[in-house]
């Protein structure tokens, strides 16, 4: 009889607390940011595959909620979401979030026609060239401070088209995003025709920012960092990138 009572109690506890039995849910929000994150991408993008693997192995159940960036930031700030993914670190955000180690980097480079012999030592050397980047990009201020004139464009696709038509000499864009657009939205000869200068203009680490209002946010950060290091060390991080058509040379 006692044994039956114990078994009944165990069954009741398991059914009453399924979330605890399966792991704590971590609600993560991000914007569409292909190829890092995207609702229609395989595994929702390489960056989400990394985060999902790390959190699952640490005993969590990650949920991805894709929404406009401004809303994602605000919901994480007020604690309606547990984490903001693919976030740059800055003093304002550090007031309401703690940041994991970097998952990747947003790297801004200069794209050009492959047969154009353009190079530079200092940004000011680029004065003779026509330069464009997407409207609202924070890098515009950096380039203008160097005395360069930058033409705002509607987006990455316009920059690629204007390079091909020789209406621009240089287009400034995130290395991975622009490469992805070249591969997926343009004929194959565009990727052969256009390349980028290896020297980065700007690098910005991309993190998981955990809301300070999230319960056990420091514990989640510590365990995420531990899991991220593990998959980097054992080669699974690199394998994920390769499955998505990239390598660590595009994320570091």
C-alpha atoms as a PDB file:
ATOM      1  CA  UNK A   1       0.000   0.000   0.000  1.00  0.00           C
ATOM      2  CA  UNK A   2       2.775   2.449   0.956  1.00  0.00           C
ATOM      3  CA  UNK A   3       4.565   1.661  -2.300  1.00  0.00           C
ATOM      4  CA  UNK A   4       1.404   2.471  -4.286  1.00  0.00           C
ATOM      5  CA  UNK A   5       1.000   5.778  -2.470  1.00  0.00           C
ATOM      6  CA  UNK A   6       4.613   6.742  -3.247  1.00  0.00           C
ATOM      7  CA  UNK A   7       4.184   5.850  -6.929  1.00  0.00           C
ATOM      8  CA  UNK A   8       0.939   7.847  -7.071  1.00  0.00           C
ATOM      9  CA  UNK A   9       2.643  10.900  -5.558  1.00  0.00           C
ATOM     10  CA  UNK A  10       5.540  10.673  -8.009  1.00  0.00           C
ATOM     11  CA  UNK A  11       3.163  10.473 -10.975  1.00  0.00           C
ATOM     12  CA  UNK A  12       1.184  13.443  -9.660  1.00  0.00           C
ATOM     13  CA  UNK A  13       4.307  15.571  -9.244  1.00  0.00           C
ATOM     14  CA  UNK A  14       5.544  14.777 -12.753  1.00  0.00           C
ATOM     15  CA  UNK A  15       2.187  15.695 -14.308  1.00  0.00           C
ATOM     16  CA  UNK A  16       1.746  18.808 -12.187  1.00  0.00           C
ATOM     17  CA  UNK A  17       5.174  20.272 -13.002  1.00  0.00           C
ATOM     18  CA  UNK A  18       6.016  19.311 -16.609  1.00  0.00           C
ATOM     19  CA  UNK A  19       8.044  22.474 -17.287  1.00  0.00           C
ATOM     20  CA  UNK A  20      10.391  21.797 -14.408  1.00  0.00           C
ATOM     21  CA  UNK A  21      10.815  18.191 -15.506  1.00  0.00           C
ATOM     22  CA  UNK A  22      11.678  19.222 -19.065  1.00  0.00           C
ATOM     23  CA  UNK A  23      13.834  22.251 -18.248  1.00  0.00           C
ATOM     24  CA  UNK A  24      13.295  25.957 -17.714  1.00  0.00           C
ATOM     25  CA  UNK A  25      11.909  27.835 -20.712  1.00  0.00           C
ATOM     26  CA  UNK A  26      14.101  30.729 -21.876  1.00  0.00           C
ATOM     27  CA  UNK A  27      12.186  33.152 -24.106  1.00  0.00           C
ATOM     28  CA  UNK A  28      14.580  34.747 -26.573  1.00  0.00           C
ATOM     29  CA  UNK A  29      13.699  37.467 -29.032  1.00  0.00           C
ATOM     30  CA  UNK A  30      15.525  38.665 -32.136  1.00  0.00           C
ATOM     31  CA  UNK A  31      14.911  40.455 -35.405  1.00  0.00           C
ATOM     32  CA  UNK A  32      15.058  38.925 -38.885  1.00  0.00           C
ATOM     33  CA  UNK A  33      18.791  39.103 -39.586  1.00  0.00           C
ATOM     34  CA  UNK A  34      19.678  36.565 -42.272  1.00  0.00           C
ATOM     35  CA  UNK A  35      21.861  34.557 -42.297  1.00  0.00           C
ATOM     36  CA  UNK A  36      22.286  34.852 -38.523  1.00  0.00           C
ATOM     37  CA  UNK A  37      18.557  34.550 -37.699  1.00  0.00           C
ATOM     38  CA  UNK A  38      15.527  34.042 -39.940  1.00  0.00           C
ATOM     39  CA  UNK A  39      12.125  32.374 -39.727  1.00  0.00           C
ATOM     40  CA  UNK A  40      12.537  30.781 -43.177  1.00  0.00           C
ATOM     41  CA  UNK A  41      16.189  29.767 -42.827  1.00  0.00           C
ATOM     42  CA  UNK A  42      17.229  26.162 -42.090  1.00  0.00           C
ATOM     43  CA  UNK A  43      17.195  25.732 -38.289  1.00  0.00           C
ATOM     44  CA  UNK A  44      16.146  29.427 -38.192  1.00  0.00           C
ATOM     45  CA  UNK A  45      19.724  30.437 -39.039  1.00  0.00           C
ATOM     46  CA  UNK A  46      23.189  29.369 -37.927  1.00  0.00           C
ATOM     47  CA  UNK A  47      23.216  31.670 -34.896  1.00  0.00           C
ATOM     48  CA  UNK A  48      19.948  30.263 -33.576  1.00  0.00           C
ATOM     49  CA  UNK A  49      21.162  26.703 -34.118  1.00  0.00           C
ATOM     50  CA  UNK A  50      24.182  27.569 -31.946  1.00  0.00           C
ATOM     51  CA  UNK A  51      22.101  29.151 -29.162  1.00  0.00           C
ATOM     52  CA  UNK A  52      19.496  26.393 -29.225  1.00  0.00           C
ATOM     53  CA  UNK A  53      22.141  23.668 -29.001  1.00  0.00           C
ATOM     54  CA  UNK A  54      23.976  25.391 -26.146  1.00  0.00           C
ATOM     55  CA  UNK A  55      20.861  26.073 -24.070  1.00  0.00           C
ATOM     56  CA  UNK A  56      19.367  22.623 -24.620  1.00  0.00           C
ATOM     57  CA  UNK A  57      22.594  20.968 -23.515  1.00  0.00           C
ATOM     58  CA  UNK A  58      22.589  23.107 -20.368  1.00  0.00           C
ATOM     59  CA  UNK A  59      19.090  21.876 -19.501  1.00  0.00           C
ATOM     60  CA  UNK A  60      16.982  24.784 -20.800  1.00  0.00           C
ATOM     61  CA  UNK A  61      14.162  24.944 -23.343  1.00  0.00           C
ATOM     62  CA  UNK A  62      14.857  27.922 -25.621  1.00  0.00           C
ATOM     63  CA  UNK A  63      11.996  29.608 -27.486  1.00  0.00           C
ATOM     64  CA  UNK A  64      12.675  32.018 -30.357  1.00  0.00           C
ATOM     65  CA  UNK A  65      10.327  34.964 -30.932  1.00  0.00           C
ATOM     66  CA  UNK A  66      11.169  36.958 -34.083  1.00  0.00           C
ATOM     67  CA  UNK A  67       9.867  40.528 -34.178  1.00  0.00           C
ATOM     68  CA  UNK A  68      10.941  44.061 -35.159  1.00  0.00           C
ATOM     69  CA  UNK A  69      14.189  45.035 -33.445  1.00  0.00           C
ATOM     70  CA  UNK A  70      12.852  48.010 -31.483  1.00  0.00           C
ATOM     71  CA  UNK A  71      10.075  45.875 -29.974  1.00  0.00           C
ATOM     72  CA  UNK A  72      12.514  43.055 -29.210  1.00  0.00           C
ATOM     73  CA  UNK A  73      14.772  45.466 -27.325  1.00  0.00           C
ATOM     74  CA  UNK A  74      11.899  46.952 -25.322  1.00  0.00           C
ATOM     75  CA  UNK A  75      10.335  43.614 -24.341  1.00  0.00           C
ATOM     76  CA  UNK A  76      13.692  42.371 -23.087  1.00  0.00           C
ATOM     77  CA  UNK A  77      14.360  45.617 -21.229  1.00  0.00           C
ATOM     78  CA  UNK A  78      11.091  45.375 -19.277  1.00  0.00           C
ATOM     79  CA  UNK A  79      11.440  41.628 -18.677  1.00  0.00           C
ATOM     80  CA  UNK A  80       8.636  40.381 -20.931  1.00  0.00           C
ATOM     81  CA  UNK A  81      11.306  38.419 -22.803  1.00  0.00           C
ATOM     82  CA  UNK A  82      14.255  36.724 -21.134  1.00  0.00           C
ATOM     83  CA  UNK A  83      16.914  37.520 -23.708  1.00  0.00           C
ATOM     84  CA  UNK A  84      17.742  39.637 -26.752  1.00  0.00           C
ATOM     85  CA  UNK A  85      19.821  37.741 -29.301  1.00  0.00           C
ATOM     86  CA  UNK A  86      22.442  39.071 -31.718  1.00  0.00           C
ATOM     87  CA  UNK A  87      22.798  42.215 -29.607  1.00  0.00           C
ATOM     88  CA  UNK A  88      25.719  44.636 -29.566  1.00  0.00           C
ATOM     89  CA  UNK A  89      26.962  45.584 -26.110  1.00  0.00           C
ATOM     90  CA  UNK A  90      26.780  49.226 -25.040  1.00  0.00           C
ATOM     91  CA  UNK A  91      26.542  51.141 -21.724  1.00  0.00           C
ATOM     92  CA  UNK A  92      22.812  51.857 -22.077  1.00  0.00           C
ATOM     93  CA  UNK A  93      21.935  48.184 -22.573  1.00  0.00           C
ATOM     94  CA  UNK A  94      24.203  47.124 -19.713  1.00  0.00           C
ATOM     95  CA  UNK A  95      21.845  48.981 -17.363  1.00  0.00           C
ATOM     96  CA  UNK A  96      19.093  46.420 -18.006  1.00  0.00           C
ATOM     97  CA  UNK A  97      20.899  43.351 -19.372  1.00  0.00           C
ATOM     98  CA  UNK A  98      23.881  41.087 -18.772  1.00  0.00           C
ATOM     99  CA  UNK A  99      25.803  39.848 -21.800  1.00  0.00           C
ATOM    100  CA  UNK A 100      27.132  36.411 -22.656  1.00  0.00           C
ATOM    101  CA  UNK A 101      30.431  35.894 -24.406  1.00  0.00           C
ATOM    102  CA  UNK A 102      30.226  36.752 -28.126  1.00  0.00           C
ATOM    103  CA  UNK A 103      28.504  34.241 -30.397  1.00  0.00           C
ATOM    104  CA  UNK A 104      29.763  35.966 -33.541  1.00  0.00           C
ATOM    105  CA  UNK A 105      30.747  39.324 -34.944  1.00  0.00           C
ATOM    106  CA  UNK A 106      29.090  41.893 -37.142  1.00  0.00           C
ATOM    107  CA  UNK A 107      31.953  42.862 -39.459  1.00  0.00           C
ATOM    108  CA  UNK A 108      31.615  45.841 -41.817  1.00  0.00           C
ATOM    109  CA  UNK A 109      33.791  45.677 -44.933  1.00  0.00           C
ATOM    110  CA  UNK A 110      34.053  47.354 -48.336  1.00  0.00           C
ATOM    111  CA  UNK A 111      32.555  45.461 -51.279  1.00  0.00           C
ATOM    112  CA  UNK A 112      33.770  46.216 -54.803  1.00  0.00           C
ATOM    113  CA  UNK A 113      33.989  44.740 -58.280  1.00  0.00           C
ATOM    114  CA  UNK A 114      36.604  41.992 -58.226  1.00  0.00           C
ATOM    115  CA  UNK A 115      38.557  43.472 -61.152  1.00  0.00           C
ATOM    116  CA  UNK A 116      38.848  46.938 -59.544  1.00  0.00           C
ATOM    117  CA  UNK A 117      42.317  47.279 -57.903  1.00  0.00           C
ATOM    118  CA  UNK A 118      41.150  49.352 -54.918  1.00  0.00           C
ATOM    119  CA  UNK A 119      43.094  49.341 -51.658  1.00  0.00           C
ATOM    120  CA  UNK A 120      43.778  51.719 -48.786  1.00  0.00           C
ATOM    121  CA  UNK A 121      45.868  52.231 -45.674  1.00  0.00           C
ATOM    122  CA  UNK A 122      43.787  54.932 -43.990  1.00  0.00           C
ATOM    123  CA  UNK A 123      40.066  55.474 -44.531  1.00  0.00           C
ATOM    124  CA  UNK A 124      40.840  58.989 -45.745  1.00  0.00           C
ATOM    125  CA  UNK A 125      42.631  57.360 -48.729  1.00  0.00           C
ATOM    126  CA  UNK A 126      39.173  56.438 -50.077  1.00  0.00           C
ATOM    127  CA  UNK A 127      38.271  60.067 -50.812  1.00  0.00           C
ATOM    128  CA  UNK A 128      38.399  59.690 -54.633  1.00  0.00           C
ATOM    129  CA  UNK A 129      35.849  56.842 -54.628  1.00  0.00           C
ATOM    130  CA  UNK A 130      32.051  56.883 -54.562  1.00  0.00           C
ATOM    131  CA  UNK A 131      30.837  55.055 -51.449  1.00  0.00           C
ATOM    132  CA  UNK A 132      27.377  53.889 -50.430  1.00  0.00           C
ATOM    133  CA  UNK A 133      25.805  52.062 -47.511  1.00  0.00           C
ATOM    134  CA  UNK A 134      22.297  51.371 -46.245  1.00  0.00           C
ATOM    135  CA  UNK A 135      20.387  54.316 -44.843  1.00  0.00           C
ATOM    136  CA  UNK A 136      20.630  54.702 -41.069  1.00  0.00           C
ATOM    137  CA  UNK A 137      23.813  52.632 -40.709  1.00  0.00           C
ATOM    138  CA  UNK A 138      25.846  53.732 -37.691  1.00  0.00           C
ATOM    139  CA  UNK A 139      29.038  53.474 -39.739  1.00  0.00           C
ATOM    140  CA  UNK A 140      28.073  56.524 -41.825  1.00  0.00           C
ATOM    141  CA  UNK A 141      29.208  58.810 -38.998  1.00  0.00           C
ATOM    142  CA  UNK A 142      32.569  57.030 -38.753  1.00  0.00           C
ATOM    143  CA  UNK A 143      33.214  57.470 -42.477  1.00  0.00           C
ATOM    144  CA  UNK A 144      32.086  61.092 -42.524  1.00  0.00           C
ATOM    145  CA  UNK A 145      34.437  61.832 -39.618  1.00  0.00           C
ATOM    146  CA  UNK A 146      37.244  60.720 -41.955  1.00  0.00           C
ATOM    147  CA  UNK A 147      36.149  63.300 -44.525  1.00  0.00           C
ATOM    148  CA  UNK A 148      34.398  60.796 -46.801  1.00  0.00           C
ATOM    149  CA  UNK A 149      31.107  61.388 -48.593  1.00  0.00           C
ATOM    150  CA  UNK A 150      28.704  58.472 -48.190  1.00  0.00           C
ATOM    151  CA  UNK A 151      25.497  58.050 -50.175  1.00  0.00           C
ATOM    152  CA  UNK A 152      22.645  56.460 -48.176  1.00  0.00           C
ATOM    153  CA  UNK A 153      20.915  53.589 -49.995  1.00  0.00           C
ATOM    154  CA  UNK A 154      17.658  51.721 -49.473  1.00  0.00           C
ATOM    155  CA  UNK A 155      19.461  48.527 -48.507  1.00  0.00           C
ATOM    156  CA  UNK A 156      22.026  45.864 -49.306  1.00  0.00           C
ATOM    157  CA  UNK A 157      20.434  44.852 -52.612  1.00  0.00           C
ATOM    158  CA  UNK A 158      20.613  48.380 -54.007  1.00  0.00           C
ATOM    159  CA  UNK A 159      24.296  48.552 -53.088  1.00  0.00           C
ATOM    160  CA  UNK A 160      25.041  45.305 -54.931  1.00  0.00           C
ATOM    161  CA  UNK A 161      23.135  46.451 -58.026  1.00  0.00           C
ATOM    162  CA  UNK A 162      24.929  49.796 -58.119  1.00  0.00           C
ATOM    163  CA  UNK A 163      28.325  48.110 -57.836  1.00  0.00           C
ATOM    164  CA  UNK A 164      27.479  45.895 -60.805  1.00  0.00           C
ATOM    165  CA  UNK A 165      26.319  48.925 -62.845  1.00  0.00           C
ATOM    166  CA  UNK A 166      29.465  50.844 -61.781  1.00  0.00           C
ATOM    167  CA  UNK A 167      27.304  53.552 -60.221  1.00  0.00           C
ATOM    168  CA  UNK A 168      29.258  52.971 -56.997  1.00  0.00           C
ATOM    169  CA  UNK A 169      32.913  52.155 -56.451  1.00  0.00           C
ATOM    170  CA  UNK A 170      32.437  50.776 -52.930  1.00  0.00           C
ATOM    171  CA  UNK A 171      29.563  49.485 -50.828  1.00  0.00           C
ATOM    172  CA  UNK A 172      29.917  49.206 -47.046  1.00  0.00           C
ATOM    173  CA  UNK A 173      28.021  46.258 -45.590  1.00  0.00           C
ATOM    174  CA  UNK A 174      28.132  43.503 -43.005  1.00  0.00           C
ATOM    175  CA  UNK A 175      30.386  40.823 -44.455  1.00  0.00           C
ATOM    176  CA  UNK A 176      28.150  37.845 -43.701  1.00  0.00           C
ATOM    177  CA  UNK A 177      24.813  39.506 -44.521  1.00  0.00           C
ATOM    178  CA  UNK A 178      26.011  40.905 -47.860  1.00  0.00           C
ATOM    179  CA  UNK A 179      27.631  37.590 -48.812  1.00  0.00           C
ATOM    180  CA  UNK A 180      24.362  35.803 -47.993  1.00  0.00           C
ATOM    181  CA  UNK A 181      22.336  38.224 -50.136  1.00  0.00           C
ATOM    182  CA  UNK A 182      24.767  37.792 -53.038  1.00  0.00           C
ATOM    183  CA  UNK A 183      24.373  34.002 -52.845  1.00  0.00           C
ATOM    184  CA  UNK A 184      20.608  33.855 -52.396  1.00  0.00           C
ATOM    185  CA  UNK A 185      19.079  36.866 -54.181  1.00  0.00           C
ATOM    186  CA  UNK A 186      21.284  37.385 -57.248  1.00  0.00           C
ATOM    187  CA  UNK A 187      22.413  35.298 -60.239  1.00  0.00           C
ATOM    188  CA  UNK A 188      25.582  33.228 -59.626  1.00  0.00           C
ATOM    189  CA  UNK A 189      27.774  35.535 -61.723  1.00  0.00           C
ATOM    190  CA  UNK A 190      27.266  38.361 -59.198  1.00  0.00           C
ATOM    191  CA  UNK A 191      29.098  36.395 -56.492  1.00  0.00           C
ATOM    192  CA  UNK A 192      31.949  35.850 -58.967  1.00  0.00           C
ATOM    193  CA  UNK A 193      31.997  39.498 -60.027  1.00  0.00           C
ATOM    194  CA  UNK A 194      31.884  41.108 -56.554  1.00  0.00           C
ATOM    195  CA  UNK A 195      34.238  40.579 -53.628  1.00  0.00           C
ATOM    196  CA  UNK A 196      35.309  42.528 -50.539  1.00  0.00           C
ATOM    197  CA  UNK A 197      38.483  44.029 -49.155  1.00  0.00           C
ATOM    198  CA  UNK A 198      39.730  41.857 -46.267  1.00  0.00           C
ATOM    199  CA  UNK A 199      40.407  44.790 -43.939  1.00  0.00           C
ATOM    200  CA  UNK A 200      37.418  45.378 -41.642  1.00  0.00           C
ATOM    201  CA  UNK A 201      36.214  48.947 -41.172  1.00  0.00           C
ATOM    202  CA  UNK A 202      34.322  48.097 -38.000  1.00  0.00           C
ATOM    203  CA  UNK A 203      33.823  45.004 -35.848  1.00  0.00           C
ATOM    204  CA  UNK A 204      31.041  44.634 -33.296  1.00  0.00           C
ATOM    205  CA  UNK A 205      30.570  41.513 -31.170  1.00  0.00           C
ATOM    206  CA  UNK A 206      27.119  39.903 -31.133  1.00  0.00           C
ATOM    207  CA  UNK A 207      25.825  38.505 -27.835  1.00  0.00           C
ATOM    208  CA  UNK A 208      22.843  37.034 -26.053  1.00  0.00           C
ATOM    209  CA  UNK A 209      21.713  39.861 -23.744  1.00  0.00           C
ATOM    210  CA  UNK A 210      19.774  38.486 -20.765  1.00  0.00           C
ATOM    211  CA  UNK A 211      17.329  40.786 -19.030  1.00  0.00           C
ATOM    212  CA  UNK A 212      18.267  41.624 -15.451  1.00  0.00           C
ATOM    213  CA  UNK A 213      14.585  41.001 -14.669  1.00  0.00           C
ATOM    214  CA  UNK A 214      14.932  37.355 -15.738  1.00  0.00           C
ATOM    215  CA  UNK A 215      15.140  34.956 -12.824  1.00  0.00           C
ATOM    216  CA  UNK A 216      18.625  33.406 -12.493  1.00  0.00           C
ATOM    217  CA  UNK A 217      19.981  35.528 -15.359  1.00  0.00           C
ATOM    218  CA  UNK A 218      23.540  35.277 -14.027  1.00  0.00           C
ATOM    219  CA  UNK A 219      23.255  31.491 -13.820  1.00  0.00           C
ATOM    220  CA  UNK A 220      21.900  31.299 -17.379  1.00  0.00           C
ATOM    221  CA  UNK A 221      24.747  33.513 -18.607  1.00  0.00           C
ATOM    222  CA  UNK A 222      27.386  31.393 -16.879  1.00  0.00           C
ATOM    223  CA  UNK A 223      25.969  28.136 -18.220  1.00  0.00           C
ATOM    224  CA  UNK A 224      25.545  29.570 -21.722  1.00  0.00           C
ATOM    225  CA  UNK A 225      29.194  30.670 -21.732  1.00  0.00           C
ATOM    226  CA  UNK A 226      30.290  27.238 -20.557  1.00  0.00           C
ATOM    227  CA  UNK A 227      28.259  25.490 -23.255  1.00  0.00           C
ATOM    228  CA  UNK A 228      29.418  27.883 -25.972  1.00  0.00           C
ATOM    229  CA  UNK A 229      33.060  27.232 -25.088  1.00  0.00           C
ATOM    230  CA  UNK A 230      32.431  23.500 -25.183  1.00  0.00           C
ATOM    231  CA  UNK A 231      30.995  23.473 -28.716  1.00  0.00           C
ATOM    232  CA  UNK A 232      33.782  25.764 -29.924  1.00  0.00           C
ATOM    233  CA  UNK A 233      36.396  23.453 -28.419  1.00  0.00           C
ATOM    234  CA  UNK A 234      34.911  20.214 -29.776  1.00  0.00           C
ATOM    235  CA  UNK A 235      34.348  21.543 -33.314  1.00  0.00           C
ATOM    236  CA  UNK A 236      30.548  21.617 -33.368  1.00  0.00           C
ATOM    237  CA  UNK A 237      30.434  25.423 -33.690  1.00  0.00           C
ATOM    238  CA  UNK A 238      32.529  25.257 -36.860  1.00  0.00           C
ATOM    239  CA  UNK A 239      30.429  22.332 -38.142  1.00  0.00           C
ATOM    240  CA  UNK A 240      27.214  24.362 -37.763  1.00  0.00           C
ATOM    241  CA  UNK A 241      28.705  27.238 -39.745  1.00  0.00           C
ATOM    242  CA  UNK A 242      29.866  24.888 -42.483  1.00  0.00           C
ATOM    243  CA  UNK A 243      26.393  23.321 -42.772  1.00  0.00           C
ATOM    244  CA  UNK A 244      25.026  26.810 -43.383  1.00  0.00           C
ATOM    245  CA  UNK A 245      27.677  27.579 -45.994  1.00  0.00           C
ATOM    246  CA  UNK A 246      29.994  29.712 -43.853  1.00  0.00           C
ATOM    247  CA  UNK A 247      33.183  29.382 -41.837  1.00  0.00           C
ATOM    248  CA  UNK A 248      34.674  31.030 -38.765  1.00  0.00           C
ATOM    249  CA  UNK A 249      36.640  33.366 -41.051  1.00  0.00           C
ATOM    250  CA  UNK A 250      33.318  35.167 -41.580  1.00  0.00           C
ATOM    251  CA  UNK A 251      32.442  35.371 -37.883  1.00  0.00           C
ATOM    252  CA  UNK A 252      35.739  36.423 -36.310  1.00  0.00           C
END
